[in-house]
Amino acid sequence: MDTYAALARLDGQDTWHGFKQLVPLSLFVAVFGLAFGLAATQVGLNNADIVLMSALVFAGASQFASLDMWGTQVPLVPLVITTFAINARHLLMGATLYPWLRHLPPARRYGVMLFASDANWAMAMQGFHRGERALGVLFGGGLAIWSFWILGTWLGLHFGNAIEDPVSLGLDMVMGCFLLAMVVGGRKDLRQLAIWVVAALSAMLAYWYLPANSHVVVGALSGGVLGALWMEKEKP
């Protein structure tokens, strides 16, 4: 059994450990869920649809963006393109996780990835590179963030006026600072550096010369393709 296969194990204890690790950060996620719940009610969505959207979509930035397009007639194609652009970074995330996830049965593999987000992905990658079984962090941590996002959305329907603008409190910086800390403290080798440099440069060029918001897709695709082509060597 190679190293990746040995680390690609997931049980209930791993999941619970990962859940507990992400609970502190999930509290901040709940605040943004609260803001989304309030914003969604203001565009005319009913309570059941709002909670269902958070449960099934589970993509905060995309959900906020969709509210800007909401109306009597929803422009479906622009909505799909915008959602894809915002979430294109998941292509890069999937490519970096592939060496471990490929050892799981397809149903479990994609079930785990349903709960992948920036925070639990970053923590899982750090754990893998330390030689730990980190699928519990990916799955359990994702469950924590998902649960608190739904809880926050529900709270926003009833108590949203308490925090109308999380940005005014500086709460929008929490996730960015967390991810920056993960990157700085993460694995450093030529492959990782090349992936991030290619993604960053591609995104910058697209930002300057291509249509608005396309830089997210271009950066994610560039880094994701390089990560998929330049696989790490399996260690016996």
C-alpha atoms as a PDB file:
ATOM      1  CA  MET A   1       0.000   0.000   0.000  1.00  0.00           C
ATOM      2  CA  ASP A   2       1.447   3.383  -1.013  1.00  0.00           C
ATOM      3  CA  THR A   3       1.529   6.439   1.232  1.00  0.00           C
ATOM      4  CA  TYR A   4      -1.490   8.094  -0.345  1.00  0.00           C
ATOM      5  CA  ALA A   5      -3.632   4.987   0.049  1.00  0.00           C
ATOM      6  CA  ALA A   6      -2.570   4.626   3.688  1.00  0.00           C
ATOM      7  CA  LEU A   7      -3.725   8.171   4.439  1.00  0.00           C
ATOM      8  CA  ALA A   8      -6.956   7.875   2.441  1.00  0.00           C
ATOM      9  CA  ARG A   9      -8.944   6.378   5.310  1.00  0.00           C
ATOM     10  CA  LEU A  10     -12.016   7.830   6.947  1.00  0.00           C
ATOM     11  CA  ASP A  11     -14.000   6.695   9.962  1.00  0.00           C
ATOM     12  CA  GLY A  12     -16.388   8.216  12.480  1.00  0.00           C
ATOM     13  CA  GLN A  13     -13.662   9.227  14.901  1.00  0.00           C
ATOM     14  CA  ASP A  14     -11.754  11.057  12.165  1.00  0.00           C
ATOM     15  CA  THR A  15     -14.926  12.843  11.096  1.00  0.00           C
ATOM     16  CA  TRP A  16     -15.797  13.955  14.630  1.00  0.00           C
ATOM     17  CA  HIS A  17     -12.236  15.191  15.203  1.00  0.00           C
ATOM     18  CA  GLY A  18     -12.393  17.228  11.995  1.00  0.00           C
ATOM     19  CA  PHE A  19     -15.789  18.626  12.943  1.00  0.00           C
ATOM     20  CA  LYS A  20     -14.478  19.889  16.283  1.00  0.00           C
ATOM     21  CA  GLN A  21     -11.428  21.456  14.672  1.00  0.00           C
ATOM     22  CA  LEU A  22     -13.511  23.649  12.362  1.00  0.00           C
ATOM     23  CA  VAL A  23     -16.197  24.697  14.864  1.00  0.00           C
ATOM     24  CA  PRO A  24     -14.368  27.915  15.963  1.00  0.00           C
ATOM     25  CA  LEU A  25     -14.076  29.150  12.370  1.00  0.00           C
ATOM     26  CA  SER A  26     -17.629  28.015  11.638  1.00  0.00           C
ATOM     27  CA  LEU A  27     -18.920  30.560  14.144  1.00  0.00           C
ATOM     28  CA  PHE A  28     -17.781  33.324  11.794  1.00  0.00           C
ATOM     29  CA  VAL A  29     -19.379  31.462   8.875  1.00  0.00           C
ATOM     30  CA  ALA A  30     -22.675  31.547  10.784  1.00  0.00           C
ATOM     31  CA  VAL A  31     -22.477  35.357  10.922  1.00  0.00           C
ATOM     32  CA  PHE A  32     -22.291  35.546   7.144  1.00  0.00           C
ATOM     33  CA  GLY A  33     -25.121  33.039   6.939  1.00  0.00           C
ATOM     34  CA  LEU A  34     -27.134  35.432   9.075  1.00  0.00           C
ATOM     35  CA  ALA A  35     -26.391  38.257   6.649  1.00  0.00           C
ATOM     36  CA  PHE A  36     -27.390  36.070   3.705  1.00  0.00           C
ATOM     37  CA  GLY A  37     -30.676  35.094   5.330  1.00  0.00           C
ATOM     38  CA  LEU A  38     -31.528  38.747   5.832  1.00  0.00           C
ATOM     39  CA  ALA A  39     -30.508  39.738   2.302  1.00  0.00           C
ATOM     40  CA  ALA A  40     -32.487  36.883   0.775  1.00  0.00           C
ATOM     41  CA  THR A  41     -35.675  37.902   2.542  1.00  0.00           C
ATOM     42  CA  GLN A  42     -35.245  41.425   1.235  1.00  0.00           C
ATOM     43  CA  VAL A  43     -35.348  40.231  -2.406  1.00  0.00           C
ATOM     44  CA  GLY A  44     -38.577  38.321  -1.806  1.00  0.00           C
ATOM     45  CA  LEU A  45     -37.504  34.698  -1.270  1.00  0.00           C
ATOM     46  CA  ASN A  46     -39.567  32.750   1.245  1.00  0.00           C
ATOM     47  CA  ASN A  47     -38.019  31.210   4.332  1.00  0.00           C
ATOM     48  CA  ALA A  48     -38.134  27.602   3.159  1.00  0.00           C
ATOM     49  CA  ASP A  49     -36.427  28.421  -0.162  1.00  0.00           C
ATOM     50  CA  ILE A  50     -33.712  30.428   1.573  1.00  0.00           C
ATOM     51  CA  VAL A  51     -32.770  27.642   3.988  1.00  0.00           C
ATOM     52  CA  LEU A  52     -32.981  25.072   1.190  1.00  0.00           C
ATOM     53  CA  MET A  53     -30.637  27.146  -0.960  1.00  0.00           C
ATOM     54  CA  SER A  54     -28.021  27.269   1.793  1.00  0.00           C
ATOM     55  CA  ALA A  55     -28.355  23.526   2.395  1.00  0.00           C
ATOM     56  CA  LEU A  56     -28.094  22.474  -1.250  1.00  0.00           C
ATOM     57  CA  VAL A  57     -25.875  25.145  -2.796  1.00  0.00           C
ATOM     58  CA  PHE A  58     -23.499  25.700   0.165  1.00  0.00           C
ATOM     59  CA  ALA A  59     -21.550  28.454  -1.572  1.00  0.00           C
ATOM     60  CA  GLY A  60     -21.789  31.782   0.194  1.00  0.00           C
ATOM     61  CA  ALA A  61     -20.298  34.064  -2.447  1.00  0.00           C
ATOM     62  CA  SER A  62     -22.381  32.464  -5.207  1.00  0.00           C
ATOM     63  CA  GLN A  63     -25.535  32.749  -3.148  1.00  0.00           C
ATOM     64  CA  PHE A  64     -24.958  36.452  -2.509  1.00  0.00           C
ATOM     65  CA  ALA A  65     -24.216  36.973  -6.219  1.00  0.00           C
ATOM     66  CA  SER A  66     -27.447  35.217  -7.197  1.00  0.00           C
ATOM     67  CA  LEU A  67     -29.447  37.670  -5.095  1.00  0.00           C
ATOM     68  CA  ASP A  68     -28.238  40.531  -7.313  1.00  0.00           C
ATOM     69  CA  MET A  69     -29.863  38.781 -10.305  1.00  0.00           C
ATOM     70  CA  TRP A  70     -33.043  37.759  -8.553  1.00  0.00           C
ATOM     71  CA  GLY A  71     -36.338  39.149  -9.753  1.00  0.00           C
ATOM     72  CA  THR A  72     -39.565  38.267 -11.496  1.00  0.00           C
ATOM     73  CA  GLN A  73     -37.525  36.680 -14.281  1.00  0.00           C
ATOM     74  CA  VAL A  74     -34.175  35.143 -13.331  1.00  0.00           C
ATOM     75  CA  PRO A  75     -31.505  35.275 -16.111  1.00  0.00           C
ATOM     76  CA  LEU A  76     -30.543  31.590 -15.983  1.00  0.00           C
ATOM     77  CA  VAL A  77     -27.495  31.588 -18.273  1.00  0.00           C
ATOM     78  CA  PRO A  78     -25.747  34.583 -16.626  1.00  0.00           C
ATOM     79  CA  LEU A  79     -26.560  33.060 -13.247  1.00  0.00           C
ATOM     80  CA  VAL A  80     -24.931  29.745 -14.205  1.00  0.00           C
ATOM     81  CA  ILE A  81     -21.857  31.481 -15.640  1.00  0.00           C
ATOM     82  CA  THR A  82     -21.444  33.684 -12.569  1.00  0.00           C
ATOM     83  CA  THR A  83     -21.789  30.728 -10.213  1.00  0.00           C
ATOM     84  CA  PHE A  84     -19.222  28.720 -12.165  1.00  0.00           C
ATOM     85  CA  ALA A  85     -16.791  31.627 -12.229  1.00  0.00           C
ATOM     86  CA  ILE A  86     -16.990  32.198  -8.489  1.00  0.00           C
ATOM     87  CA  ASN A  87     -16.566  28.507  -7.670  1.00  0.00           C
ATOM     88  CA  ALA A  88     -13.969  27.647 -10.317  1.00  0.00           C
ATOM     89  CA  ARG A  89     -11.331  27.494  -7.585  1.00  0.00           C
ATOM     90  CA  HIS A  90     -12.770  24.098  -6.676  1.00  0.00           C
ATOM     91  CA  LEU A  91     -11.105  22.757  -9.815  1.00  0.00           C
ATOM     92  CA  LEU A  92      -7.752  23.557  -8.257  1.00  0.00           C
ATOM     93  CA  MET A  93      -8.841  22.162  -4.891  1.00  0.00           C
ATOM     94  CA  GLY A  94      -9.971  18.918  -6.482  1.00  0.00           C
ATOM     95  CA  ALA A  95      -6.700  18.528  -8.350  1.00  0.00           C
ATOM     96  CA  THR A  96      -4.640  18.927  -5.180  1.00  0.00           C
ATOM     97  CA  LEU A  97      -6.780  16.379  -3.303  1.00  0.00           C
ATOM     98  CA  TYR A  98      -6.851  13.803  -6.085  1.00  0.00           C
ATOM     99  CA  PRO A  99      -3.813  11.742  -4.949  1.00  0.00           C
ATOM    100  CA  TRP A 100      -5.702  10.809  -1.766  1.00  0.00           C
ATOM    101  CA  LEU A 101      -9.310  10.835  -2.936  1.00  0.00           C
ATOM    102  CA  ARG A 102      -8.674   8.495  -5.873  1.00  0.00           C
ATOM    103  CA  HIS A 103      -8.284   5.625  -3.403  1.00  0.00           C
ATOM    104  CA  LEU A 104     -11.869   6.016  -2.185  1.00  0.00           C
ATOM    105  CA  PRO A 105     -14.911   4.413  -3.832  1.00  0.00           C
ATOM    106  CA  PRO A 106     -16.602   6.931  -6.183  1.00  0.00           C
ATOM    107  CA  ALA A 107     -19.693   7.389  -3.993  1.00  0.00           C
ATOM    108  CA  ARG A 108     -17.615   8.197  -0.916  1.00  0.00           C
ATOM    109  CA  ARG A 109     -15.159  10.330  -2.905  1.00  0.00           C
ATOM    110  CA  TYR A 110     -17.814  12.641  -4.297  1.00  0.00           C
ATOM    111  CA  GLY A 111     -19.769  12.577  -1.064  1.00  0.00           C
ATOM    112  CA  VAL A 112     -16.755  13.985   0.758  1.00  0.00           C
ATOM    113  CA  MET A 113     -16.211  16.641  -1.899  1.00  0.00           C
ATOM    114  CA  LEU A 114     -19.785  17.905  -1.530  1.00  0.00           C
ATOM    115  CA  PHE A 115     -18.622  19.515   1.726  1.00  0.00           C
ATOM    116  CA  ALA A 116     -15.288  20.850   0.480  1.00  0.00           C
ATOM    117  CA  SER A 117     -14.729  24.549   1.096  1.00  0.00           C
ATOM    118  CA  ASP A 118     -11.714  26.803   1.357  1.00  0.00           C
ATOM    119  CA  ALA A 119     -11.096  26.344   5.073  1.00  0.00           C
ATOM    120  CA  ASN A 120     -11.404  22.575   5.471  1.00  0.00           C
ATOM    121  CA  TRP A 121      -9.533  22.020   2.199  1.00  0.00           C
ATOM    122  CA  ALA A 122      -6.596  24.128   3.441  1.00  0.00           C
ATOM    123  CA  MET A 123      -6.476  22.334   6.796  1.00  0.00           C
ATOM    124  CA  ALA A 124      -6.755  18.923   5.144  1.00  0.00           C
ATOM    125  CA  MET A 125      -3.877  19.658   2.779  1.00  0.00           C
ATOM    126  CA  GLN A 126      -1.702  20.716   5.710  1.00  0.00           C
ATOM    127  CA  GLY A 127      -2.562  17.494   7.500  1.00  0.00           C
ATOM    128  CA  PHE A 128      -1.804  15.329   4.467  1.00  0.00           C
ATOM    129  CA  HIS A 129       1.562  16.978   3.977  1.00  0.00           C
ATOM    130  CA  ARG A 130       2.400  16.256   7.621  1.00  0.00           C
ATOM    131  CA  GLY A 131       1.667  12.596   6.957  1.00  0.00           C
ATOM    132  CA  GLU A 132      -1.671  12.583   8.807  1.00  0.00           C
ATOM    133  CA  ARG A 133      -5.002  11.024   7.904  1.00  0.00           C
ATOM    134  CA  ALA A 134      -6.769  14.270   7.032  1.00  0.00           C
ATOM    135  CA  LEU A 135      -9.912  13.114   5.259  1.00  0.00           C
ATOM    136  CA  GLY A 136     -11.671  13.530   8.590  1.00  0.00           C
ATOM    137  CA  VAL A 137     -10.736  17.207   8.582  1.00  0.00           C
ATOM    138  CA  LEU A 138     -11.990  17.570   5.020  1.00  0.00           C
ATOM    139  CA  PHE A 139     -15.294  15.783   5.617  1.00  0.00           C
ATOM    140  CA  GLY A 140     -15.961  16.516   9.292  1.00  0.00           C
ATOM    141  CA  GLY A 141     -14.756  20.102   8.998  1.00  0.00           C
ATOM    142  CA  GLY A 142     -16.965  20.554   5.942  1.00  0.00           C
ATOM    143  CA  LEU A 143     -19.942  19.248   7.888  1.00  0.00           C
ATOM    144  CA  ALA A 144     -19.233  21.810  10.624  1.00  0.00           C
ATOM    145  CA  ILE A 145     -19.061  24.712   8.176  1.00  0.00           C
ATOM    146  CA  TRP A 146     -22.154  23.504   6.307  1.00  0.00           C
ATOM    147  CA  SER A 147     -24.146  23.105   9.531  1.00  0.00           C
ATOM    148  CA  PHE A 148     -23.235  26.549  10.836  1.00  0.00           C
ATOM    149  CA  TRP A 149     -23.916  28.120   7.431  1.00  0.00           C
ATOM    150  CA  ILE A 150     -27.447  26.709   7.499  1.00  0.00           C
ATOM    151  CA  LEU A 151     -27.893  27.698  11.144  1.00  0.00           C
ATOM    152  CA  GLY A 152     -26.713  31.223  10.382  1.00  0.00           C
ATOM    153  CA  THR A 153     -29.087  31.454   7.429  1.00  0.00           C
ATOM    154  CA  TRP A 154     -32.004  30.420   9.641  1.00  0.00           C
ATOM    155  CA  LEU A 155     -30.994  32.951  12.295  1.00  0.00           C
ATOM    156  CA  GLY A 156     -30.856  35.630   9.622  1.00  0.00           C
ATOM    157  CA  LEU A 157     -34.504  35.046   8.818  1.00  0.00           C
ATOM    158  CA  HIS A 158     -35.478  35.930  12.372  1.00  0.00           C
ATOM    159  CA  PHE A 159     -32.649  38.030  13.830  1.00  0.00           C
ATOM    160  CA  GLY A 160     -30.896  39.366  10.712  1.00  0.00           C
ATOM    161  CA  ASN A 161     -31.314  43.012  11.651  1.00  0.00           C
ATOM    162  CA  ALA A 162     -28.796  42.494  14.458  1.00  0.00           C
ATOM    163  CA  ILE A 163     -25.874  42.356  11.992  1.00  0.00           C
ATOM    164  CA  GLU A 164     -26.831  43.802   8.627  1.00  0.00           C
ATOM    165  CA  ASP A 165     -23.283  44.361   7.404  1.00  0.00           C
ATOM    166  CA  PRO A 166     -20.587  41.920   8.613  1.00  0.00           C
ATOM    167  CA  VAL A 167     -18.016  43.773   6.498  1.00  0.00           C
ATOM    168  CA  SER A 168     -18.389  46.879   8.677  1.00  0.00           C
ATOM    169  CA  LEU A 169     -17.175  44.782  11.630  1.00  0.00           C
ATOM    170  CA  GLY A 170     -14.166  43.438   9.743  1.00  0.00           C
ATOM    171  CA  LEU A 171     -15.584  39.907   9.726  1.00  0.00           C
ATOM    172  CA  ASP A 172     -14.880  39.578   6.004  1.00  0.00           C
ATOM    173  CA  MET A 173     -11.155  39.442   6.857  1.00  0.00           C
ATOM    174  CA  VAL A 174     -11.420  36.333   9.032  1.00  0.00           C
ATOM    175  CA  MET A 175     -11.498  33.779   6.228  1.00  0.00           C
ATOM    176  CA  GLY A 176      -8.824  35.561   4.219  1.00  0.00           C
ATOM    177  CA  CYS A 177      -6.443  35.709   7.180  1.00  0.00           C
ATOM    178  CA  PHE A 178      -7.120  32.067   7.995  1.00  0.00           C
ATOM    179  CA  LEU A 179      -6.335  30.918   4.446  1.00  0.00           C
ATOM    180  CA  LEU A 180      -3.218  33.076   4.308  1.00  0.00           C
ATOM    181  CA  ALA A 181      -1.992  31.438   7.520  1.00  0.00           C
ATOM    182  CA  MET A 182      -2.648  27.999   5.982  1.00  0.00           C
ATOM    183  CA  VAL A 183      -0.671  28.863   2.857  1.00  0.00           C
ATOM    184  CA  VAL A 184       2.284  30.318   4.765  1.00  0.00           C
ATOM    185  CA  GLY A 185       2.411  27.349   7.098  1.00  0.00           C
ATOM    186  CA  GLY A 186       1.757  24.754   4.401  1.00  0.00           C
ATOM    187  CA  ARG A 187       4.054  22.539   2.410  1.00  0.00           C
ATOM    188  CA  LYS A 188       6.702  24.293   0.353  1.00  0.00           C
ATOM    189  CA  ASP A 189       8.195  22.502  -2.635  1.00  0.00           C
ATOM    190  CA  LEU A 190       8.744  23.165  -6.329  1.00  0.00           C
ATOM    191  CA  ARG A 191       5.446  21.590  -7.404  1.00  0.00           C
ATOM    192  CA  GLN A 192       3.332  23.596  -4.957  1.00  0.00           C
ATOM    193  CA  LEU A 193       5.152  26.806  -5.820  1.00  0.00           C
ATOM    194  CA  ALA A 194       4.719  26.229  -9.555  1.00  0.00           C
ATOM    195  CA  ILE A 195       0.973  25.569  -9.194  1.00  0.00           C
ATOM    196  CA  TRP A 196       0.352  28.722  -7.163  1.00  0.00           C
ATOM    197  CA  VAL A 197       2.556  30.885  -9.402  1.00  0.00           C
ATOM    198  CA  VAL A 198       0.884  29.673 -12.596  1.00  0.00           C
ATOM    199  CA  ALA A 199      -2.584  30.160 -11.090  1.00  0.00           C
ATOM    200  CA  ALA A 200      -1.731  33.635  -9.809  1.00  0.00           C
ATOM    201  CA  LEU A 201      -0.082  34.868 -13.022  1.00  0.00           C
ATOM    202  CA  SER A 202      -2.878  33.468 -15.181  1.00  0.00           C
ATOM    203  CA  ALA A 203      -5.499  35.127 -13.003  1.00  0.00           C
ATOM    204  CA  MET A 204      -3.669  38.474 -13.114  1.00  0.00           C
ATOM    205  CA  LEU A 205      -3.355  38.395 -16.906  1.00  0.00           C
ATOM    206  CA  ALA A 206      -7.017  37.470 -17.253  1.00  0.00           C
ATOM    207  CA  TYR A 207      -7.986  40.273 -14.862  1.00  0.00           C
ATOM    208  CA  TRP A 208      -6.143  42.795 -17.012  1.00  0.00           C
ATOM    209  CA  TYR A 209      -7.043  41.585 -20.512  1.00  0.00           C
ATOM    210  CA  LEU A 210     -10.164  39.373 -20.362  1.00  0.00           C
ATOM    211  CA  PRO A 211     -13.819  40.083 -19.466  1.00  0.00           C
ATOM    212  CA  ALA A 212     -14.810  40.773 -15.866  1.00  0.00           C
ATOM    213  CA  ASN A 213     -14.735  37.842 -13.443  1.00  0.00           C
ATOM    214  CA  SER A 214     -13.039  35.538 -15.972  1.00  0.00           C
ATOM    215  CA  HIS A 215      -9.799  35.723 -13.969  1.00  0.00           C
ATOM    216  CA  VAL A 216     -11.269  33.376 -11.345  1.00  0.00           C
ATOM    217  CA  VAL A 217     -11.961  30.691 -13.942  1.00  0.00           C
ATOM    218  CA  VAL A 218      -8.657  31.153 -15.770  1.00  0.00           C
ATOM    219  CA  GLY A 219      -6.572  31.044 -12.587  1.00  0.00           C
ATOM    220  CA  ALA A 220      -8.331  27.979 -11.234  1.00  0.00           C
ATOM    221  CA  LEU A 221      -8.154  26.107 -14.557  1.00  0.00           C
ATOM    222  CA  SER A 222      -4.473  26.918 -15.054  1.00  0.00           C
ATOM    223  CA  GLY A 223      -3.431  25.820 -11.585  1.00  0.00           C
ATOM    224  CA  GLY A 224      -5.772  22.821 -11.654  1.00  0.00           C
ATOM    225  CA  VAL A 225      -4.509  21.546 -15.002  1.00  0.00           C
ATOM    226  CA  LEU A 226      -0.879  21.873 -13.906  1.00  0.00           C
ATOM    227  CA  GLY A 227      -1.635  20.068 -10.654  1.00  0.00           C
ATOM    228  CA  ALA A 228      -3.377  17.246 -12.525  1.00  0.00           C
ATOM    229  CA  LEU A 229      -0.553  16.851 -15.050  1.00  0.00           C
ATOM    230  CA  TRP A 230       2.289  17.201 -12.564  1.00  0.00           C
ATOM    231  CA  MET A 231       1.357  14.538 -10.057  1.00  0.00           C
ATOM    232  CA  GLU A 232       3.466  13.921  -6.986  1.00  0.00           C
ATOM    233  CA  LYS A 233       5.494  10.729  -7.052  1.00  0.00           C
ATOM    234  CA  GLU A 234       3.978   7.998  -4.932  1.00  0.00           C
ATOM    235  CA  LYS A 235       6.139   6.970  -2.015  1.00  0.00           C
ATOM    236  CA  PRO A 236       6.317   3.266  -1.143  1.00  0.00           C
END
